[in-house]
Amino acid sequence: MINHEIKIAFEEYSAVEELNNKDHTLCLEAAKALKGSHSPYSNFSVGAALRLKSGRIIYGSNQENVAYPSGLCAERVALFNWGANYSEDPIEAIAVTAHTDKFIIEKPITPCGSCLQVMAEYEKKQAQPIRIMLYCQKGTVWITTGVESFLPFMFFEDRLVSV
């Protein structure tokens, strides 16, 4: 038997104001994306903002549907928009935040497995990792580079990719 151990590293900031200007701005853009959320069932809004190499910002917000699970997470809304319209302009970073009137969100929310898998696909497609910022509007920001920190056993099979 071989015993393996996986460790991840991430940065933690106590407030968004501690970030460099580019990251601070992107987190605030993710908060702006909350306005587009359609979340009448959960009352849990999620906003995402992508910063592309060109400096363009792409937004996404969660979109719920009464015919659950027909909705889509904020991260995938933004990522699929990039894939459909801007794939020649690499993604440098994504910021994600959330809001609800039901309780205080005390720590950053993390993307679901489906969103992480889509990020992994697009990291592979653009051959570079994405800076991931999870922003809690009442405090903490977590930052890591590359989806592998969240999804170390992501699915990818090179033989499925057509050359």
N, C-alpha and C. Protein backbone atom coordinates (compact mmCIF):
# COMPACT_ATOMS: atom_id res chain seq x y z
N MET A 1 0.83 -1.18 0.00
CA MET A 1 0.00 0.00 0.00
C MET A 1 0.88 1.25 0.00
N ILE A 2 0.42 2.26 -0.72
CA ILE A 2 1.08 3.57 -0.72
C ILE A 2 0.10 4.57 -0.13
N ASN A 3 0.55 5.32 0.83
CA ASN A 3 -0.28 6.35 1.45
C ASN A 3 0.05 7.70 0.82
N HIS A 4 -0.95 8.39 0.32
CA HIS A 4 -0.77 9.69 -0.31
C HIS A 4 -1.45 10.76 0.54
N GLU A 5 -0.96 11.97 0.44
CA GLU A 5 -1.57 13.09 1.15
C GLU A 5 -1.64 14.27 0.20
N ILE A 6 -2.77 14.96 0.21
CA ILE A 6 -2.95 16.14 -0.63
C ILE A 6 -3.08 17.35 0.29
N LYS A 7 -2.31 18.38 0.00
CA LYS A 7 -2.39 19.63 0.74
C LYS A 7 -2.69 20.76 -0.24
N ILE A 8 -3.43 21.74 0.23
CA ILE A 8 -3.67 22.90 -0.61
C ILE A 8 -3.14 24.14 0.10
N ALA A 9 -2.85 25.13 -0.68
CA ALA A 9 -2.41 26.41 -0.13
C ALA A 9 -3.33 27.49 -0.68
N PHE A 10 -3.71 28.40 0.19
CA PHE A 10 -4.48 29.56 -0.27
C PHE A 10 -4.16 30.74 0.63
N GLU A 11 -4.38 31.92 0.10
CA GLU A 11 -4.18 33.14 0.85
C GLU A 11 -5.50 33.52 1.51
N GLU A 12 -5.43 34.07 2.71
CA GLU A 12 -6.62 34.56 3.38
C GLU A 12 -6.39 36.00 3.79
N TYR A 13 -7.32 36.86 3.41
CA TYR A 13 -7.29 38.26 3.77
C TYR A 13 -8.50 38.54 4.65
N SER A 14 -8.33 39.40 5.65
CA SER A 14 -9.45 39.66 6.56
C SER A 14 -10.48 40.61 5.97
N ALA A 15 -10.11 41.33 4.90
CA ALA A 15 -11.06 42.25 4.25
C ALA A 15 -10.62 42.50 2.82
N VAL A 16 -11.57 42.81 1.98
CA VAL A 16 -11.30 43.06 0.57
C VAL A 16 -10.35 44.25 0.38
N GLU A 17 -10.35 45.17 1.32
CA GLU A 17 -9.49 46.36 1.22
C GLU A 17 -8.00 46.01 1.30
N GLU A 18 -7.67 44.83 1.77
CA GLU A 18 -6.27 44.40 1.85
C GLU A 18 -5.71 43.94 0.50
N LEU A 19 -6.57 43.72 -0.48
CA LEU A 19 -6.14 43.19 -1.77
C LEU A 19 -5.48 44.26 -2.63
N ASN A 20 -4.70 43.82 -3.62
CA ASN A 20 -4.16 44.78 -4.58
C ASN A 20 -5.33 45.36 -5.38
N ASN A 21 -5.09 46.42 -6.08
CA ASN A 21 -6.17 47.16 -6.75
C ASN A 21 -6.95 46.30 -7.75
N LYS A 22 -6.25 45.50 -8.56
CA LYS A 22 -6.94 44.68 -9.57
C LYS A 22 -7.87 43.65 -8.93
N ASP A 23 -7.39 42.99 -7.87
CA ASP A 23 -8.20 41.98 -7.20
C ASP A 23 -9.35 42.63 -6.42
N HIS A 24 -9.07 43.73 -5.76
CA HIS A 24 -10.10 44.47 -5.03
C HIS A 24 -11.23 44.86 -5.98
N THR A 25 -10.87 45.42 -7.11
CA THR A 25 -11.86 45.83 -8.10
C THR A 25 -12.68 44.65 -8.60
N LEU A 26 -12.04 43.52 -8.88
CA LEU A 26 -12.77 42.36 -9.38
C LEU A 26 -13.75 41.83 -8.33
N CYS A 27 -13.37 41.84 -7.07
CA CYS A 27 -14.31 41.41 -6.02
C CYS A 27 -15.53 42.33 -5.99
N LEU A 28 -15.32 43.62 -6.12
CA LEU A 28 -16.45 44.56 -6.13
C LEU A 28 -17.32 44.35 -7.38
N GLU A 29 -16.71 43.97 -8.49
CA GLU A 29 -17.47 43.66 -9.71
C GLU A 29 -18.34 42.41 -9.49
N ALA A 30 -17.83 41.44 -8.75
CA ALA A 30 -18.63 40.25 -8.44
C ALA A 30 -19.86 40.65 -7.61
N ALA A 31 -19.66 41.58 -6.70
CA ALA A 31 -20.80 42.07 -5.90
C ALA A 31 -21.82 42.77 -6.79
N LYS A 32 -21.37 43.50 -7.81
CA LYS A 32 -22.29 44.14 -8.76
C LYS A 32 -23.11 43.08 -9.51
N ALA A 33 -22.48 41.95 -9.79
CA ALA A 33 -23.16 40.88 -10.54
C ALA A 33 -24.34 40.30 -9.76
N LEU A 34 -24.37 40.47 -8.46
CA LEU A 34 -25.47 39.98 -7.64
C LEU A 34 -26.81 40.54 -8.11
N LYS A 35 -26.79 41.74 -8.66
CA LYS A 35 -28.03 42.40 -9.10
C LYS A 35 -28.76 41.60 -10.17
N GLY A 36 -28.03 40.81 -10.95
CA GLY A 36 -28.65 40.02 -12.01
C GLY A 36 -29.15 38.66 -11.55
N SER A 37 -28.97 38.34 -10.28
CA SER A 37 -29.39 37.04 -9.76
C SER A 37 -30.90 36.87 -9.84
N HIS A 38 -31.32 35.70 -10.28
CA HIS A 38 -32.73 35.32 -10.24
C HIS A 38 -32.80 34.15 -9.26
N SER A 39 -33.08 34.47 -7.99
CA SER A 39 -33.05 33.45 -6.94
C SER A 39 -34.26 33.56 -6.03
N PRO A 40 -35.48 33.50 -6.60
CA PRO A 40 -36.68 33.66 -5.78
C PRO A 40 -36.99 32.45 -4.90
N TYR A 41 -36.36 31.31 -5.13
CA TYR A 41 -36.66 30.10 -4.38
C TYR A 41 -35.73 29.93 -3.19
N SER A 42 -34.44 30.16 -3.40
CA SER A 42 -33.47 30.03 -2.31
C SER A 42 -33.24 31.36 -1.59
N ASN A 43 -33.52 32.47 -2.26
CA ASN A 43 -33.19 33.80 -1.73
C ASN A 43 -31.70 33.90 -1.38
N PHE A 44 -30.88 33.20 -2.16
CA PHE A 44 -29.43 33.18 -1.98
C PHE A 44 -28.81 33.59 -3.31
N SER A 45 -28.40 34.84 -3.40
CA SER A 45 -27.84 35.38 -4.63
C SER A 45 -26.33 35.14 -4.69
N VAL A 46 -25.86 34.76 -5.86
CA VAL A 46 -24.43 34.56 -6.08
C VAL A 46 -24.03 35.38 -7.31
N GLY A 47 -22.91 36.07 -7.18
CA GLY A 47 -22.38 36.85 -8.30
C GLY A 47 -20.96 36.44 -8.60
N ALA A 48 -20.62 36.43 -9.87
CA ALA A 48 -19.27 36.09 -10.30
C ALA A 48 -18.81 37.10 -11.33
N ALA A 49 -17.53 37.40 -11.31
CA ALA A 49 -16.94 38.29 -12.30
C ALA A 49 -15.62 37.69 -12.77
N LEU A 50 -15.45 37.63 -14.08
CA LEU A 50 -14.20 37.15 -14.68
C LEU A 50 -13.41 38.36 -15.17
N ARG A 51 -12.10 38.35 -14.94
CA ARG A 51 -11.22 39.35 -15.53
C ARG A 51 -10.40 38.66 -16.61
N LEU A 52 -10.51 39.16 -17.82
CA LEU A 52 -9.77 38.58 -18.94
C LEU A 52 -8.44 39.29 -19.11
N LYS A 53 -7.55 38.69 -19.86
CA LYS A 53 -6.22 39.27 -20.09
C LYS A 53 -6.33 40.68 -20.66
N SER A 54 -7.32 40.92 -21.51
CA SER A 54 -7.51 42.24 -22.12
C SER A 54 -7.99 43.28 -21.11
N GLY A 55 -8.43 42.83 -19.93
CA GLY A 55 -9.01 43.72 -18.94
C GLY A 55 -10.53 43.71 -18.93
N ARG A 56 -11.13 43.08 -19.94
CA ARG A 56 -12.60 42.98 -20.02
C ARG A 56 -13.11 42.21 -18.79
N ILE A 57 -14.25 42.65 -18.27
CA ILE A 57 -14.92 41.96 -17.16
C ILE A 57 -16.18 41.30 -17.71
N ILE A 58 -16.37 40.03 -17.37
CA ILE A 58 -17.57 39.29 -17.74
C ILE A 58 -18.29 38.92 -16.45
N TYR A 59 -19.61 39.09 -16.44
CA TYR A 59 -20.41 38.86 -15.25
C TYR A 59 -21.25 37.60 -15.36
N GLY A 60 -21.57 37.05 -14.21
CA GLY A 60 -22.51 35.94 -14.12
C GLY A 60 -23.23 36.01 -12.79
N SER A 61 -24.45 35.55 -12.77
CA SER A 61 -25.21 35.47 -11.52
C SER A 61 -26.04 34.19 -11.57
N ASN A 62 -26.38 33.68 -10.40
CA ASN A 62 -27.15 32.44 -10.38
C ASN A 62 -28.56 32.68 -10.92
N GLN A 63 -29.04 31.69 -11.66
CA GLN A 63 -30.35 31.76 -12.31
C GLN A 63 -31.14 30.53 -11.91
N GLU A 64 -32.10 30.71 -11.01
CA GLU A 64 -32.92 29.59 -10.55
C GLU A 64 -34.15 29.43 -11.45
N ASN A 65 -34.76 28.26 -11.34
CA ASN A 65 -35.94 27.96 -12.12
C ASN A 65 -36.85 27.09 -11.29
N VAL A 66 -38.15 27.33 -11.39
CA VAL A 66 -39.10 26.54 -10.63
C VAL A 66 -39.00 25.05 -10.97
N ALA A 67 -38.56 24.74 -12.17
CA ALA A 67 -38.35 23.35 -12.57
C ALA A 67 -36.92 22.95 -12.20
N TYR A 68 -36.68 22.88 -10.88
CA TYR A 68 -35.37 22.49 -10.39
C TYR A 68 -34.98 21.14 -10.97
N PRO A 69 -33.80 20.91 -11.45
CA PRO A 69 -32.57 21.68 -11.36
C PRO A 69 -32.23 22.45 -12.64
N SER A 70 -33.20 23.07 -13.24
CA SER A 70 -32.97 23.76 -14.51
C SER A 70 -32.19 25.06 -14.38
N GLY A 71 -31.86 25.48 -13.19
CA GLY A 71 -31.10 26.71 -13.00
C GLY A 71 -29.62 26.51 -13.29
N LEU A 72 -28.87 27.58 -13.08
CA LEU A 72 -27.44 27.53 -13.34
C LEU A 72 -26.71 28.44 -12.35
N CYS A 73 -25.56 28.00 -11.90
CA CYS A 73 -24.75 28.77 -10.95
C CYS A 73 -24.11 29.98 -11.62
N ALA A 74 -23.80 30.98 -10.81
CA ALA A 74 -23.18 32.22 -11.31
C ALA A 74 -21.86 31.96 -12.03
N GLU A 75 -21.06 31.07 -11.46
CA GLU A 75 -19.74 30.80 -12.05
C GLU A 75 -19.88 30.24 -13.46
N ARG A 76 -20.80 29.29 -13.64
CA ARG A 76 -20.97 28.70 -14.97
C ARG A 76 -21.61 29.67 -15.94
N VAL A 77 -22.50 30.54 -15.47
CA VAL A 77 -23.07 31.56 -16.36
C VAL A 77 -21.93 32.41 -16.92
N ALA A 78 -21.03 32.87 -16.06
CA ALA A 78 -19.90 33.70 -16.52
C ALA A 78 -18.93 32.89 -17.39
N LEU A 79 -18.60 31.68 -16.96
CA LEU A 79 -17.64 30.87 -17.71
C LEU A 79 -18.17 30.47 -19.09
N PHE A 80 -19.44 30.10 -19.18
CA PHE A 80 -20.01 29.73 -20.48
C PHE A 80 -20.11 30.94 -21.40
N ASN A 81 -20.38 32.11 -20.83
CA ASN A 81 -20.36 33.34 -21.62
C ASN A 81 -18.97 33.54 -22.22
N TRP A 82 -17.93 33.36 -21.39
CA TRP A 82 -16.56 33.47 -21.89
C TRP A 82 -16.32 32.44 -23.01
N GLY A 83 -16.68 31.19 -22.77
CA GLY A 83 -16.44 30.14 -23.77
C GLY A 83 -17.15 30.42 -25.08
N ALA A 84 -18.34 31.00 -25.02
CA ALA A 84 -19.12 31.26 -26.23
C ALA A 84 -18.68 32.52 -26.96
N ASN A 85 -18.12 33.49 -26.23
CA ASN A 85 -17.89 34.80 -26.84
C ASN A 85 -16.47 35.35 -26.77
N TYR A 86 -15.65 34.87 -25.84
CA TYR A 86 -14.35 35.51 -25.63
C TYR A 86 -13.20 34.52 -25.45
N SER A 87 -13.33 33.31 -25.93
CA SER A 87 -12.35 32.26 -25.61
C SER A 87 -10.94 32.53 -26.11
N GLU A 88 -10.76 33.50 -26.99
CA GLU A 88 -9.41 33.85 -27.44
C GLU A 88 -8.74 34.85 -26.50
N ASP A 89 -9.46 35.32 -25.49
CA ASP A 89 -8.97 36.28 -24.51
C ASP A 89 -8.91 35.55 -23.16
N PRO A 90 -7.74 35.06 -22.76
CA PRO A 90 -7.65 34.18 -21.58
C PRO A 90 -8.22 34.78 -20.29
N ILE A 91 -8.77 33.89 -19.47
CA ILE A 91 -9.27 34.27 -18.15
C ILE A 91 -8.08 34.39 -17.21
N GLU A 92 -7.92 35.55 -16.61
CA GLU A 92 -6.89 35.72 -15.58
C GLU A 92 -7.41 35.35 -14.20
N ALA A 93 -8.63 35.81 -13.89
CA ALA A 93 -9.14 35.63 -12.53
C ALA A 93 -10.66 35.57 -12.52
N ILE A 94 -11.19 34.94 -11.49
CA ILE A 94 -12.62 34.94 -11.21
C ILE A 94 -12.81 35.31 -9.74
N ALA A 95 -13.80 36.17 -9.48
CA ALA A 95 -14.18 36.50 -8.12
C ALA A 95 -15.63 36.07 -7.94
N VAL A 96 -15.93 35.50 -6.79
CA VAL A 96 -17.28 35.00 -6.50
C VAL A 96 -17.70 35.49 -5.11
N THR A 97 -18.94 35.96 -5.02
CA THR A 97 -19.49 36.39 -3.74
C THR A 97 -20.95 36.01 -3.67
N ALA A 98 -21.53 36.15 -2.48
CA ALA A 98 -22.93 35.78 -2.29
C ALA A 98 -23.59 36.74 -1.30
N HIS A 99 -24.93 36.73 -1.35
CA HIS A 99 -25.72 37.56 -0.43
C HIS A 99 -27.07 36.89 -0.20
N THR A 100 -27.54 37.01 1.03
CA THR A 100 -28.91 36.63 1.37
C THR A 100 -29.39 37.54 2.47
N ASP A 101 -30.67 37.81 2.49
CA ASP A 101 -31.27 38.59 3.57
C ASP A 101 -31.64 37.70 4.75
N LYS A 102 -31.50 36.39 4.60
CA LYS A 102 -31.94 35.44 5.63
C LYS A 102 -30.94 35.26 6.77
N PHE A 103 -29.64 35.47 6.50
CA PHE A 103 -28.62 35.32 7.53
C PHE A 103 -27.35 36.03 7.08
N ILE A 104 -26.41 36.18 7.98
CA ILE A 104 -25.13 36.81 7.64
C ILE A 104 -24.19 35.72 7.14
N ILE A 105 -23.63 35.94 5.96
CA ILE A 105 -22.64 35.02 5.41
C ILE A 105 -21.30 35.37 6.04
N GLU A 106 -20.76 34.45 6.81
CA GLU A 106 -19.58 34.74 7.63
C GLU A 106 -18.26 34.30 7.03
N LYS A 107 -18.31 33.50 5.98
CA LYS A 107 -17.08 33.09 5.31
C LYS A 107 -17.38 32.95 3.83
N PRO A 108 -16.35 32.98 2.99
CA PRO A 108 -16.59 32.88 1.55
C PRO A 108 -17.30 31.59 1.18
N ILE A 109 -18.16 31.67 0.17
CA ILE A 109 -18.78 30.46 -0.35
C ILE A 109 -17.85 29.88 -1.41
N THR A 110 -17.87 28.57 -1.53
CA THR A 110 -17.02 27.91 -2.52
C THR A 110 -17.87 27.43 -3.69
N PRO A 111 -17.30 27.41 -4.88
CA PRO A 111 -18.04 26.91 -6.04
C PRO A 111 -18.38 25.43 -5.87
N CYS A 112 -19.50 25.03 -6.48
CA CYS A 112 -19.90 23.62 -6.44
C CYS A 112 -18.96 22.80 -7.34
N GLY A 113 -19.07 21.50 -7.24
CA GLY A 113 -18.23 20.61 -8.05
C GLY A 113 -18.41 20.80 -9.54
N SER A 114 -19.64 21.04 -9.99
CA SER A 114 -19.88 21.27 -11.42
C SER A 114 -19.17 22.51 -11.91
N CYS A 115 -19.24 23.58 -11.12
CA CYS A 115 -18.55 24.82 -11.50
C CYS A 115 -17.04 24.63 -11.51
N LEU A 116 -16.53 23.91 -10.52
CA LEU A 116 -15.09 23.64 -10.48
C LEU A 116 -14.65 22.83 -11.70
N GLN A 117 -15.46 21.86 -12.10
CA GLN A 117 -15.11 21.05 -13.27
C GLN A 117 -15.09 21.90 -14.54
N VAL A 118 -16.03 22.84 -14.66
CA VAL A 118 -16.03 23.74 -15.83
C VAL A 118 -14.79 24.63 -15.79
N MET A 119 -14.44 25.14 -14.62
CA MET A 119 -13.20 25.93 -14.50
C MET A 119 -12.00 25.10 -14.93
N ALA A 120 -11.97 23.84 -14.50
CA ALA A 120 -10.86 22.96 -14.86
C ALA A 120 -10.77 22.79 -16.37
N GLU A 121 -11.91 22.63 -17.02
CA GLU A 121 -11.94 22.48 -18.47
C GLU A 121 -11.37 23.71 -19.16
N TYR A 122 -11.76 24.89 -18.66
CA TYR A 122 -11.30 26.12 -19.31
C TYR A 122 -9.85 26.44 -18.97
N GLU A 123 -9.38 26.03 -17.79
CA GLU A 123 -7.94 26.15 -17.51
C GLU A 123 -7.16 25.30 -18.51
N LYS A 124 -7.64 24.09 -18.74
CA LYS A 124 -6.98 23.20 -19.69
C LYS A 124 -7.02 23.80 -21.10
N LYS A 125 -8.18 24.33 -21.48
CA LYS A 125 -8.35 24.91 -22.82
C LYS A 125 -7.40 26.07 -23.04
N GLN A 126 -7.23 26.93 -22.05
CA GLN A 126 -6.37 28.10 -22.23
C GLN A 126 -4.93 27.85 -21.78
N ALA A 127 -4.67 26.64 -21.30
CA ALA A 127 -3.32 26.22 -20.89
C ALA A 127 -2.70 27.15 -19.85
N GLN A 128 -3.54 27.63 -18.94
CA GLN A 128 -3.03 28.42 -17.81
C GLN A 128 -4.07 28.41 -16.69
N PRO A 129 -3.60 28.45 -15.44
CA PRO A 129 -4.53 28.43 -14.31
C PRO A 129 -5.27 29.75 -14.17
N ILE A 130 -6.37 29.70 -13.46
CA ILE A 130 -7.20 30.87 -13.18
C ILE A 130 -7.01 31.24 -11.71
N ARG A 131 -6.82 32.51 -11.45
CA ARG A 131 -6.77 33.02 -10.07
C ARG A 131 -8.21 33.03 -9.55
N ILE A 132 -8.46 32.38 -8.43
CA ILE A 132 -9.81 32.23 -7.89
C ILE A 132 -9.90 33.00 -6.57
N MET A 133 -10.84 33.95 -6.52
CA MET A 133 -11.05 34.77 -5.33
C MET A 133 -12.47 34.55 -4.82
N LEU A 134 -12.57 34.10 -3.60
CA LEU A 134 -13.86 33.90 -2.97
C LEU A 134 -14.02 34.99 -1.92
N TYR A 135 -15.01 35.83 -2.11
CA TYR A 135 -15.13 37.09 -1.40
C TYR A 135 -16.35 37.10 -0.51
N CYS A 136 -16.14 37.22 0.78
CA CYS A 136 -17.23 37.37 1.74
C CYS A 136 -17.39 38.87 1.99
N GLN A 137 -18.53 39.40 1.65
CA GLN A 137 -18.72 40.84 1.74
C GLN A 137 -18.61 41.38 3.16
N LYS A 138 -18.77 40.54 4.14
CA LYS A 138 -18.65 40.96 5.55
C LYS A 138 -17.25 40.69 6.10
N GLY A 139 -16.30 40.33 5.21
CA GLY A 139 -14.96 40.10 5.75
C GLY A 139 -14.03 39.34 4.84
N THR A 140 -13.78 38.10 5.17
CA THR A 140 -12.71 37.28 4.63
C THR A 140 -12.75 37.11 3.11
N VAL A 141 -11.54 37.07 2.53
CA VAL A 141 -11.35 36.74 1.11
C VAL A 141 -10.33 35.61 1.06
N TRP A 142 -10.67 34.56 0.32
CA TRP A 142 -9.74 33.45 0.09
C TRP A 142 -9.29 33.51 -1.36
N ILE A 143 -8.00 33.32 -1.59
CA ILE A 143 -7.46 33.37 -2.94
C ILE A 143 -6.53 32.19 -3.16
N THR A 144 -6.70 31.56 -4.31
CA THR A 144 -5.79 30.51 -4.75
C THR A 144 -5.64 30.61 -6.26
N THR A 145 -4.63 30.00 -6.77
CA THR A 145 -4.43 29.97 -8.22
C THR A 145 -4.56 28.54 -8.70
N GLY A 146 -5.53 28.33 -9.55
CA GLY A 146 -5.76 27.00 -10.11
C GLY A 146 -6.84 26.24 -9.39
N VAL A 147 -7.72 25.65 -10.17
CA VAL A 147 -8.87 24.92 -9.63
C VAL A 147 -8.44 23.65 -8.90
N GLU A 148 -7.27 23.16 -9.18
CA GLU A 148 -6.81 21.91 -8.55
C GLU A 148 -6.77 22.01 -7.02
N SER A 149 -6.62 23.23 -6.50
CA SER A 149 -6.65 23.40 -5.04
C SER A 149 -8.00 23.01 -4.45
N PHE A 150 -9.07 23.19 -5.22
CA PHE A 150 -10.40 22.85 -4.75
C PHE A 150 -10.85 21.47 -5.22
N LEU A 151 -10.32 21.04 -6.34
CA LEU A 151 -10.77 19.80 -6.96
C LEU A 151 -9.54 18.98 -7.40
N PRO A 152 -8.82 18.41 -6.42
CA PRO A 152 -7.57 17.74 -6.77
C PRO A 152 -7.72 16.52 -7.68
N PHE A 153 -8.89 15.90 -7.67
CA PHE A 153 -9.11 14.75 -8.53
C PHE A 153 -10.11 15.07 -9.63
N MET A 154 -9.94 16.26 -10.23
CA MET A 154 -10.85 16.67 -11.30
C MET A 154 -10.81 15.65 -12.43
N PHE A 155 -11.92 15.54 -13.14
CA PHE A 155 -11.99 14.62 -14.26
C PHE A 155 -11.40 15.29 -15.50
N PHE A 156 -10.43 14.64 -16.08
CA PHE A 156 -9.96 15.04 -17.40
C PHE A 156 -9.29 13.84 -18.04
N GLU A 157 -9.67 13.56 -19.24
CA GLU A 157 -9.11 12.44 -20.00
C GLU A 157 -8.61 12.98 -21.32
N ASP A 158 -7.28 13.04 -21.44
CA ASP A 158 -6.66 13.60 -22.65
C ASP A 158 -7.09 12.88 -23.93
N ARG A 159 -7.38 11.61 -23.85
CA ARG A 159 -7.74 10.87 -25.06
C ARG A 159 -9.13 11.22 -25.57
N LEU A 160 -9.94 11.96 -24.78
CA LEU A 160 -11.26 12.39 -25.23
C LEU A 160 -11.19 13.68 -26.05
N VAL A 161 -10.07 14.36 -25.98
CA VAL A 161 -9.92 15.63 -26.69
C VAL A 161 -9.49 15.35 -28.12
N SER A 162 -10.24 15.91 -29.06
CA SER A 162 -9.85 15.73 -30.48
C SER A 162 -8.71 16.68 -30.81
N VAL A 163 -7.79 16.18 -31.58
CA VAL A 163 -6.61 16.98 -31.92
C VAL A 163 -6.78 17.64 -33.26
